[in-house]
Amino acid sequence: MFFERKSYLEQLISAEGNGMIKVVTGIRRCGKSYLLFNIYRDHLQERGIHEDHIIQVNLEDRRNKRFRDPDTLLEHIDKQMTDKDMYYILLDEIQFVPEFEDVLNSYLNVRNAEVFVTGSNAKFLSKDIITEFRGRGWEIRIHPLSFAEYYEAVGGEKAVALEQYYLYGGLPQVAQMGSPEEKESYLREIFETVYLKDVIERNNLQNANGMHELVRILASAMGSSINVRRISNTFKSVGGVDIGPNTIARYLGHLQDAFIINEALRYNVKGRKYIGTETKYFFEDVGIRNAILGFRQIEFNHTMENVIYNELRRLGYSVDIGLVETIKRNSEGKSERRNLEIDFVVNRHDERLYIQSAYTLPDEQKKDQEQASLLNVTDGFKKIIITGDRFSSYYNEEGILMIGIYDFLLNPRSVKR
């Protein structure tokens, strides 16, 4: 089974010649290495780039351990650059190299060097490279397979494919497995032996059980607002463990740095300000989330919300959770204030969208409930409800764009209608 990853290949190609180090980031096992060492390498060779002008080193491979020494890596690359033609230097999992910033800086002023690196940790890559290179590091963030990429490869009935995607996510290796048992076993193992172990070891955490419990709490709370104090109280009530809010906040940062979870802040739409007390966390891959809970507590309504969030991020939007304050009179004639939630307030450049996720709309009451918050937003930006029901997209009488989940996930321009 072959996944073309067209959009990411296009980003790599368009970044050529920009004078920057190209940094490909993303959660481990999402396909960064394959993108660089197979898809991009094949593209270079099809363009006529000779094999000896493509220098690649997989630093995660134990057989290349000697190249984790920065000076040895520099010497290895320099020895292969024997003429003035362009060389394409591909380095996988660069965070294994101490002082890797110095190594990469060494090629910033080498005119016949195009450098592409991958890494699985935002703390060591996105933040430090941007600081160290002073704007000369170009980040290309890749994600697990979108549903469109997944469905293009597996085909079949859309409803069956989407249910499998909701259960097992979009890690390329999982998508190629046959039986549910094989998929579940792999996802459990990779979470325990790769993701969780990596976070604990990289950050020298002494409380591995606390981190493990934290991800279980986040997985159970998928789709719900939460804050660090509430998480800390949950630890105390469930297991009698005292882990303070500051420690919880630090652990959450580690999980975000490893691209395992993403944060969506709460935004007051009318007040035009962020509210720092509550937030939502979404998993980069819903299969990993389900594996954390042993494939119990499968809630497709919350899973769909997570999948929509991931798709919006993949499309380049920043994503927040919206709050709209309303004032209504009760049966006694007194004014009451209520906060209504908008699932997603998304922004990209000068574009804004207000989006609700509704797994089903069985009746008028449910429809009114879903669109109430949208109708209380008075600006002119587009308002959308994405529903799990299968239908063609249309505008309803209130001017809200109704989009079926298949149209949204398979047609990236569906929100432009």
Protein backbone atom coordinates (compact mmCIF):
# COMPACT_ATOMS: atom_id res chain seq x y z
CA MET A 1 0.00 0.00 0.00
CA PHE A 2 1.50 3.32 -1.09
CA PHE A 3 0.68 6.75 0.33
CA GLU A 4 1.79 9.55 -1.96
CA ARG A 5 1.76 12.40 0.63
CA LYS A 6 1.39 14.83 -2.27
CA SER A 7 0.85 18.01 -0.26
CA TYR A 8 3.99 17.43 1.82
CA LEU A 9 6.10 16.63 -1.25
CA GLU A 10 4.89 19.90 -2.79
CA GLN A 11 5.96 21.77 0.35
CA LEU A 12 9.43 20.22 0.21
CA ILE A 13 9.82 21.12 -3.45
CA SER A 14 8.61 24.69 -2.97
CA ALA A 15 11.08 25.18 -0.10
CA GLU A 16 14.08 24.39 -2.28
CA GLY A 17 16.36 27.36 -2.82
CA ASN A 18 14.95 29.44 0.05
CA GLY A 19 18.34 29.58 1.79
CA MET A 20 17.02 27.91 4.93
CA ILE A 21 17.38 24.58 6.68
CA LYS A 22 14.18 22.65 5.97
CA VAL A 23 12.92 21.06 9.21
CA VAL A 24 10.29 18.33 8.82
CA THR A 25 8.53 17.82 12.17
CA GLY A 26 5.75 15.58 13.42
CA ILE A 27 4.85 12.75 15.77
CA ARG A 28 7.04 9.67 15.52
CA ARG A 29 5.93 7.01 13.02
CA CYS A 30 3.77 9.45 11.04
CA GLY A 31 5.88 8.99 7.89
CA LYS A 32 8.59 11.67 8.07
CA SER A 33 11.41 9.27 7.20
CA TYR A 34 9.49 7.71 4.33
CA LEU A 35 8.60 11.15 2.99
CA LEU A 36 12.23 12.26 2.96
CA PHE A 37 14.13 9.05 2.13
CA ASN A 38 11.67 7.54 -0.33
CA ILE A 39 9.15 9.98 -1.77
CA TYR A 40 11.40 13.04 -1.93
CA ARG A 41 14.49 11.04 -2.87
CA ASP A 42 12.58 9.38 -5.75
CA HIS A 43 11.45 12.81 -6.88
CA LEU A 44 15.05 14.05 -6.94
CA GLN A 45 16.22 11.08 -8.97
CA GLU A 46 13.35 11.51 -11.43
CA ARG A 47 14.59 15.08 -11.90
CA GLY A 48 18.01 13.74 -12.83
CA ILE A 49 19.85 14.30 -9.54
CA HIS A 50 22.66 11.74 -9.36
CA GLU A 51 22.58 9.32 -6.42
CA ASP A 52 26.01 10.47 -5.20
CA HIS A 53 24.60 14.00 -4.77
CA ILE A 54 21.92 12.80 -2.36
CA ILE A 55 23.49 12.33 1.08
CA GLN A 56 21.23 10.67 3.61
CA VAL A 57 21.78 9.56 7.20
CA ASN A 58 19.16 7.90 9.41
CA LEU A 59 20.31 8.92 12.89
CA GLU A 60 17.72 6.73 14.59
CA ASP A 61 19.40 3.64 13.11
CA ARG A 62 21.76 2.06 15.64
CA ARG A 63 24.18 1.25 12.83
CA ASN A 64 24.66 5.00 12.34
CA LYS A 65 25.35 5.70 16.00
CA ARG A 66 28.83 7.07 15.22
CA PHE A 67 27.24 9.87 13.19
CA ARG A 68 25.43 11.12 16.29
CA ASP A 69 28.74 12.77 17.14
CA PRO A 70 28.45 16.24 15.53
CA ASP A 71 32.01 16.38 14.25
CA THR A 72 31.86 12.87 12.80
CA LEU A 73 28.60 13.76 11.03
CA LEU A 74 30.11 16.94 9.58
CA GLU A 75 33.17 15.07 8.33
CA HIS A 76 31.01 12.33 6.78
CA ILE A 77 28.95 14.87 4.83
CA ASP A 78 31.89 17.05 3.78
CA LYS A 79 33.84 14.08 2.37
CA GLN A 80 31.00 13.34 -0.05
CA MET A 81 30.73 16.90 -1.39
CA THR A 82 33.44 16.73 -4.04
CA ASP A 83 32.26 19.28 -6.65
CA LYS A 84 30.29 22.51 -7.06
CA ASP A 85 27.00 20.86 -8.10
CA MET A 86 24.04 20.95 -5.73
CA TYR A 87 23.97 18.34 -2.95
CA TYR A 88 20.81 17.31 -1.13
CA ILE A 89 21.55 16.43 2.50
CA LEU A 90 18.79 14.39 4.18
CA LEU A 91 19.15 13.79 7.93
CA ASP A 92 16.56 11.77 9.82
CA GLU A 93 15.80 12.37 13.55
CA ILE A 94 18.42 15.09 13.98
CA GLN A 95 17.63 15.49 17.70
CA PHE A 96 19.87 12.44 18.34
CA VAL A 97 22.90 14.67 17.59
CA PRO A 98 24.15 16.88 20.44
CA GLU A 99 24.73 20.47 19.31
CA PHE A 100 22.88 19.71 16.08
CA GLU A 101 22.22 23.45 15.68
CA ASP A 102 25.95 23.99 15.06
CA VAL A 103 26.03 21.18 12.51
CA LEU A 104 23.13 22.65 10.55
CA ASN A 105 24.45 26.19 10.88
CA SER A 106 27.62 25.00 9.14
CA TYR A 107 25.65 24.54 5.91
CA LEU A 108 23.63 27.75 5.94
CA ASN A 109 26.24 29.55 3.84
CA VAL A 110 27.20 26.61 1.63
CA ARG A 111 25.69 27.52 -1.72
CA ASN A 112 25.58 24.02 -3.14
CA ALA A 113 23.87 22.43 -0.13
CA GLU A 114 20.15 21.92 0.36
CA VAL A 115 19.60 20.54 3.86
CA PHE A 116 16.44 18.70 4.96
CA VAL A 117 16.14 17.25 8.47
CA THR A 118 13.40 15.47 10.39
CA GLY A 119 12.67 15.52 14.09
CA SER A 120 9.99 14.32 16.47
CA ASN A 121 10.22 16.90 19.22
CA ALA A 122 9.03 20.48 19.01
CA LYS A 123 11.12 21.61 21.98
CA PHE A 124 14.40 20.65 20.32
CA LEU A 125 13.36 21.60 16.80
CA SER A 126 10.69 24.20 16.25
CA LYS A 127 11.64 26.48 19.13
CA ASP A 128 15.41 26.10 19.29
CA ILE A 129 16.01 26.10 15.55
CA ILE A 130 13.99 29.25 15.03
CA THR A 131 15.98 30.97 17.78
CA GLU A 132 19.36 29.62 16.71
CA PHE A 133 18.91 30.30 13.00
CA ARG A 134 17.27 33.71 13.50
CA GLY A 135 14.62 33.03 10.91
CA ARG A 136 16.67 30.68 8.73
CA GLY A 137 14.95 27.47 9.75
CA TRP A 138 11.88 26.55 7.65
CA GLU A 139 9.46 24.19 9.41
CA ILE A 140 7.27 21.75 7.48
CA ARG A 141 4.86 20.07 9.88
CA ILE A 142 3.47 16.72 8.78
CA HIS A 143 0.68 14.72 10.34
CA PRO A 144 -0.58 11.14 10.28
CA LEU A 145 -2.62 10.25 7.21
CA SER A 146 -5.65 12.42 6.64
CA PHE A 147 -8.84 10.52 5.89
CA ALA A 148 -8.52 11.57 2.24
CA GLU A 149 -5.03 10.03 2.05
CA TYR A 150 -6.21 6.94 3.89
CA TYR A 151 -9.31 6.44 1.74
CA GLU A 152 -7.41 7.00 -1.51
CA ALA A 153 -5.30 3.96 -0.62
CA VAL A 154 -7.85 1.62 0.98
CA GLY A 155 -10.97 2.48 -1.05
CA GLY A 156 -14.22 0.56 -0.51
CA GLU A 157 -17.36 1.77 1.23
CA LYS A 158 -16.81 5.24 2.72
CA ALA A 159 -18.75 4.50 5.90
CA VAL A 160 -16.67 1.39 6.62
CA ALA A 161 -13.41 3.20 5.88
CA LEU A 162 -14.34 6.14 8.13
CA GLU A 163 -15.30 3.82 10.99
CA GLN A 164 -11.92 2.09 10.70
CA TYR A 165 -10.22 5.49 10.63
CA TYR A 166 -12.12 6.58 13.75
CA LEU A 167 -10.99 3.38 15.52
CA TYR A 168 -7.38 3.02 14.41
CA GLY A 169 -6.31 6.46 13.23
CA GLY A 170 -3.95 7.38 10.43
CA LEU A 171 -0.46 6.09 11.24
CA PRO A 172 0.75 4.68 7.89
CA GLN A 173 1.98 1.40 9.38
CA VAL A 174 -1.38 0.74 11.05
CA ALA A 175 -3.28 1.51 7.84
CA GLN A 176 -1.40 -1.31 6.09
CA MET A 177 -2.25 -3.94 8.69
CA GLY A 178 -5.06 -6.41 8.11
CA SER A 179 -6.76 -7.61 11.28
CA PRO A 180 -8.15 -5.49 14.14
CA GLU A 181 -6.02 -7.51 16.59
CA GLU A 182 -2.86 -6.61 14.71
CA LYS A 183 -3.76 -2.92 14.60
CA GLU A 184 -4.69 -2.76 18.28
CA SER A 185 -1.57 -4.61 19.39
CA TYR A 186 0.69 -2.33 17.35
CA LEU A 187 -0.95 0.86 18.64
CA ARG A 188 -0.72 -0.25 22.27
CA GLU A 189 2.92 -1.26 21.87
CA ILE A 190 4.01 1.89 20.05
CA PHE A 191 2.39 4.09 22.66
CA GLU A 192 4.09 2.29 25.55
CA THR A 193 7.52 1.61 24.00
CA VAL A 194 7.96 4.65 21.75
CA TYR A 195 5.77 7.63 22.61
CA LEU A 196 5.46 7.37 26.37
CA LYS A 197 8.98 6.02 26.90
CA ASP A 198 10.41 8.79 24.72
CA VAL A 199 8.65 11.53 26.71
CA ILE A 200 9.72 10.06 30.06
CA GLU A 201 13.36 9.49 29.11
CA ARG A 202 13.87 12.72 27.19
CA ASN A 203 12.55 14.83 30.08
CA ASN A 204 14.09 12.71 32.87
CA LEU A 205 10.72 12.25 34.55
CA GLN A 206 10.78 10.44 37.86
CA ASN A 207 7.04 9.82 38.03
CA ALA A 208 6.38 7.58 35.02
CA ASN A 209 3.11 6.35 36.54
CA GLY A 210 1.91 9.93 36.89
CA MET A 211 2.55 10.64 33.20
CA HIS A 212 0.81 7.40 32.25
CA GLU A 213 -2.24 8.32 34.32
CA LEU A 214 -2.29 11.82 32.85
CA VAL A 215 -2.63 10.57 29.28
CA ARG A 216 -5.44 8.25 30.40
CA ILE A 217 -7.27 11.21 31.95
CA LEU A 218 -6.80 13.24 28.75
CA ALA A 219 -8.00 10.33 26.61
CA SER A 220 -11.11 9.90 28.76
CA ALA A 221 -11.80 13.65 28.63
CA MET A 222 -11.48 13.95 24.84
CA GLY A 223 -13.94 16.59 23.65
CA SER A 224 -14.37 18.11 27.13
CA SER A 225 -12.94 21.31 28.55
CA ILE A 226 -10.41 20.78 31.30
CA ASN A 227 -7.81 22.63 33.36
CA VAL A 228 -4.71 21.68 35.32
CA ARG A 229 -6.30 22.13 38.73
CA ARG A 230 -9.16 19.81 37.82
CA ILE A 231 -6.70 17.22 36.53
CA SER A 232 -4.73 17.50 39.79
CA ASN A 233 -7.94 16.95 41.78
CA THR A 234 -8.74 13.90 39.63
CA PHE A 235 -5.39 12.37 40.58
CA LYS A 236 -6.21 12.85 44.25
CA SER A 237 -9.73 11.49 44.06
CA VAL A 238 -8.91 8.45 41.92
CA GLY A 239 -5.62 7.26 43.31
CA GLY A 240 -4.82 9.49 46.24
CA VAL A 241 -1.80 10.83 44.33
CA ASP A 242 -0.78 14.44 44.97
CA ILE A 243 0.50 15.93 41.71
CA GLY A 244 0.24 19.70 41.73
CA PRO A 245 -1.02 21.96 38.93
CA ASN A 246 2.49 23.17 38.06
CA THR A 247 3.69 19.60 37.52
CA ILE A 248 0.59 18.80 35.47
CA ALA A 249 1.22 21.88 33.30
CA ARG A 250 4.82 20.78 32.73
CA TYR A 251 3.73 17.25 31.78
CA LEU A 252 1.18 18.65 29.34
CA GLY A 253 3.95 20.69 27.75
CA HIS A 254 6.07 17.55 27.31
CA LEU A 255 3.19 15.76 25.57
CA GLN A 256 2.67 18.72 23.25
CA ASP A 257 6.39 18.93 22.48
CA ALA A 258 6.25 15.28 21.42
CA PHE A 259 3.25 16.09 19.15
CA ILE A 260 1.08 13.54 21.00
CA ILE A 261 -1.58 16.11 21.95
CA ASN A 262 -2.54 19.57 20.74
CA GLU A 263 -4.11 22.37 22.72
CA ALA A 264 -7.14 24.45 21.72
CA LEU A 265 -7.58 27.59 23.81
CA ARG A 266 -10.94 29.10 24.73
CA TYR A 267 -11.72 32.39 22.99
CA ASN A 268 -14.40 34.91 23.89
CA VAL A 269 -15.82 35.80 20.47
CA LYS A 270 -17.63 39.00 21.46
CA GLY A 271 -14.97 40.13 23.92
CA ARG A 272 -12.22 39.24 21.45
CA LYS A 273 -9.91 37.82 24.10
CA TYR A 274 -8.63 34.46 25.28
CA ILE A 275 -9.92 32.90 28.49
CA GLY A 276 -7.11 31.08 30.25
CA THR A 277 -9.02 28.99 32.78
CA GLU A 278 -10.18 26.16 30.51
CA THR A 279 -8.85 24.42 27.43
CA LYS A 280 -9.37 21.32 25.30
CA TYR A 281 -6.77 18.78 24.26
CA PHE A 282 -7.00 16.80 21.05
CA PHE A 283 -4.90 13.78 20.11
CA GLU A 284 -2.68 13.96 17.04
CA ASP A 285 -3.87 10.45 16.19
CA VAL A 286 -7.21 9.07 17.39
CA GLY A 287 -5.91 5.50 17.14
CA ILE A 288 -3.32 6.28 19.81
CA ARG A 289 -6.06 7.80 21.97
CA ASN A 290 -8.16 4.64 21.69
CA ALA A 291 -5.15 2.43 22.42
CA ILE A 292 -4.48 4.34 25.65
CA LEU A 293 -7.95 3.33 26.84
CA GLY A 294 -7.64 -0.25 25.60
CA PHE A 295 -10.18 0.43 22.84
CA ARG A 296 -12.88 1.00 25.42
CA GLN A 297 -14.90 4.23 25.74
CA ILE A 298 -15.22 4.58 21.96
CA GLU A 299 -17.37 7.68 21.41
CA PHE A 300 -17.66 8.47 17.72
CA ASN A 301 -19.17 11.92 18.38
CA HIS A 302 -16.04 13.04 20.25
CA THR A 303 -13.81 11.14 17.83
CA MET A 304 -15.35 13.01 14.90
CA GLU A 305 -14.68 16.30 16.68
CA ASN A 306 -11.03 15.30 17.15
CA VAL A 307 -10.74 14.28 13.48
CA ILE A 308 -12.24 17.62 12.36
CA TYR A 309 -9.77 19.49 14.58
CA ASN A 310 -6.85 17.57 13.06
CA GLU A 311 -8.08 18.23 9.52
CA LEU A 312 -8.41 21.95 10.18
CA ARG A 313 -4.84 22.04 11.51
CA ARG A 314 -3.63 20.09 8.49
CA LEU A 315 -5.28 22.67 6.23
CA GLY A 316 -3.20 25.37 7.92
CA TYR A 317 -5.79 26.93 10.23
CA SER A 318 -5.16 27.96 13.81
CA VAL A 319 -7.98 26.49 15.92
CA ASP A 320 -9.56 27.78 19.12
CA ILE A 321 -12.70 26.94 21.10
CA GLY A 322 -15.25 29.77 21.00
CA LEU A 323 -17.48 31.15 23.73
CA VAL A 324 -20.43 33.46 23.03
CA GLU A 325 -22.18 35.23 25.89
CA THR A 326 -25.94 35.62 25.54
CA ILE A 327 -28.49 37.41 27.69
CA LYS A 328 -32.06 36.07 27.82
CA ARG A 329 -35.04 36.65 30.05
CA ASN A 330 -36.27 33.69 32.08
CA SER A 331 -39.87 32.81 32.88
CA GLU A 332 -39.85 35.37 35.69
CA GLY A 333 -38.72 38.15 33.38
CA LYS A 334 -35.21 38.35 34.85
CA SER A 335 -32.13 38.56 32.61
CA GLU A 336 -29.84 35.55 32.65
CA ARG A 337 -26.36 35.33 31.18
CA ARG A 338 -25.35 32.13 29.40
CA ASN A 339 -22.14 31.10 27.69
CA LEU A 340 -22.66 29.08 24.52
CA GLU A 341 -19.78 27.12 23.05
CA ILE A 342 -18.63 27.10 19.44
CA ASP A 343 -16.64 23.94 18.81
CA PHE A 344 -14.05 25.64 16.59
CA VAL A 345 -13.10 29.23 15.81
CA VAL A 346 -10.55 28.87 13.03
CA ASN A 347 -8.32 31.50 11.46
CA ARG A 348 -5.94 31.60 8.52
CA HIS A 349 -4.57 34.94 7.32
CA ASP A 350 -7.69 37.16 6.99
CA GLU A 351 -10.10 34.22 6.90
CA ARG A 352 -12.23 33.15 9.86
CA LEU A 353 -14.73 30.31 10.18
CA TYR A 354 -17.07 29.34 13.00
CA ILE A 355 -17.64 25.58 13.01
CA GLN A 356 -19.86 23.22 14.97
CA SER A 357 -19.35 19.45 14.97
CA ALA A 358 -22.61 17.47 15.16
CA TYR A 359 -22.39 13.70 14.86
CA THR A 360 -26.13 13.51 14.14
CA LEU A 361 -28.99 15.97 13.69
CA PRO A 362 -31.99 13.72 14.30
CA ASP A 363 -34.58 16.47 14.82
CA GLU A 364 -35.24 20.21 14.85
CA GLN A 365 -34.46 20.49 18.55
CA LYS A 366 -30.95 19.14 18.06
CA LYS A 367 -30.43 21.37 15.01
CA ASP A 368 -31.54 24.45 16.99
CA GLN A 369 -29.19 23.47 19.82
CA GLU A 370 -26.19 23.15 17.49
CA GLN A 371 -26.77 26.42 15.67
CA ALA A 372 -27.74 28.55 18.69
CA SER A 373 -24.18 29.69 19.41
CA LEU A 374 -23.51 30.42 15.73
CA LEU A 375 -26.62 32.57 15.40
CA ASN A 376 -25.46 34.68 18.35
CA VAL A 377 -22.29 35.71 16.48
CA THR A 378 -23.05 38.96 14.71
CA ASP A 379 -19.98 39.42 12.50
CA GLY A 380 -19.98 38.49 8.82
CA PHE A 381 -17.68 35.48 8.88
CA LYS A 382 -18.91 32.12 7.61
CA LYS A 383 -20.74 29.78 9.97
CA ILE A 384 -20.63 26.03 9.39
CA ILE A 385 -22.11 22.87 10.90
CA ILE A 386 -20.29 19.64 10.00
CA THR A 387 -22.46 16.61 10.59
CA GLY A 388 -21.84 12.87 10.43
CA ASP A 389 -25.00 12.46 8.40
CA ARG A 390 -24.41 11.79 4.70
CA PHE A 391 -25.77 14.49 2.41
CA SER A 392 -24.65 17.08 -0.13
CA SER A 393 -23.57 20.42 1.30
CA TYR A 394 -26.09 23.28 1.32
CA TYR A 395 -26.95 26.55 3.06
CA ASN A 396 -29.93 26.35 5.41
CA GLU A 397 -32.52 29.09 5.95
CA GLU A 398 -30.41 30.74 8.63
CA GLY A 399 -27.47 31.10 6.23
CA ILE A 400 -25.40 28.38 7.91
CA LEU A 401 -23.39 26.12 5.61
CA MET A 402 -24.25 22.47 6.32
CA ILE A 403 -21.46 20.06 5.34
CA GLY A 404 -21.48 16.27 5.57
CA ILE A 405 -18.38 14.75 7.16
CA TYR A 406 -17.39 12.88 3.99
CA ASP A 407 -17.50 16.06 1.93
CA PHE A 408 -15.46 17.93 4.54
CA LEU A 409 -12.76 15.27 4.85
CA LEU A 410 -12.49 14.38 1.16
CA ASN A 411 -12.88 17.84 -0.37
CA PRO A 412 -10.50 20.42 1.13
CA ARG A 413 -12.44 23.23 -0.55
CA SER A 414 -15.80 22.27 0.98
CA VAL A 415 -15.62 25.12 3.51
CA LYS A 416 -15.12 27.62 0.65
CA ARG A 417 -18.62 27.17 -0.77
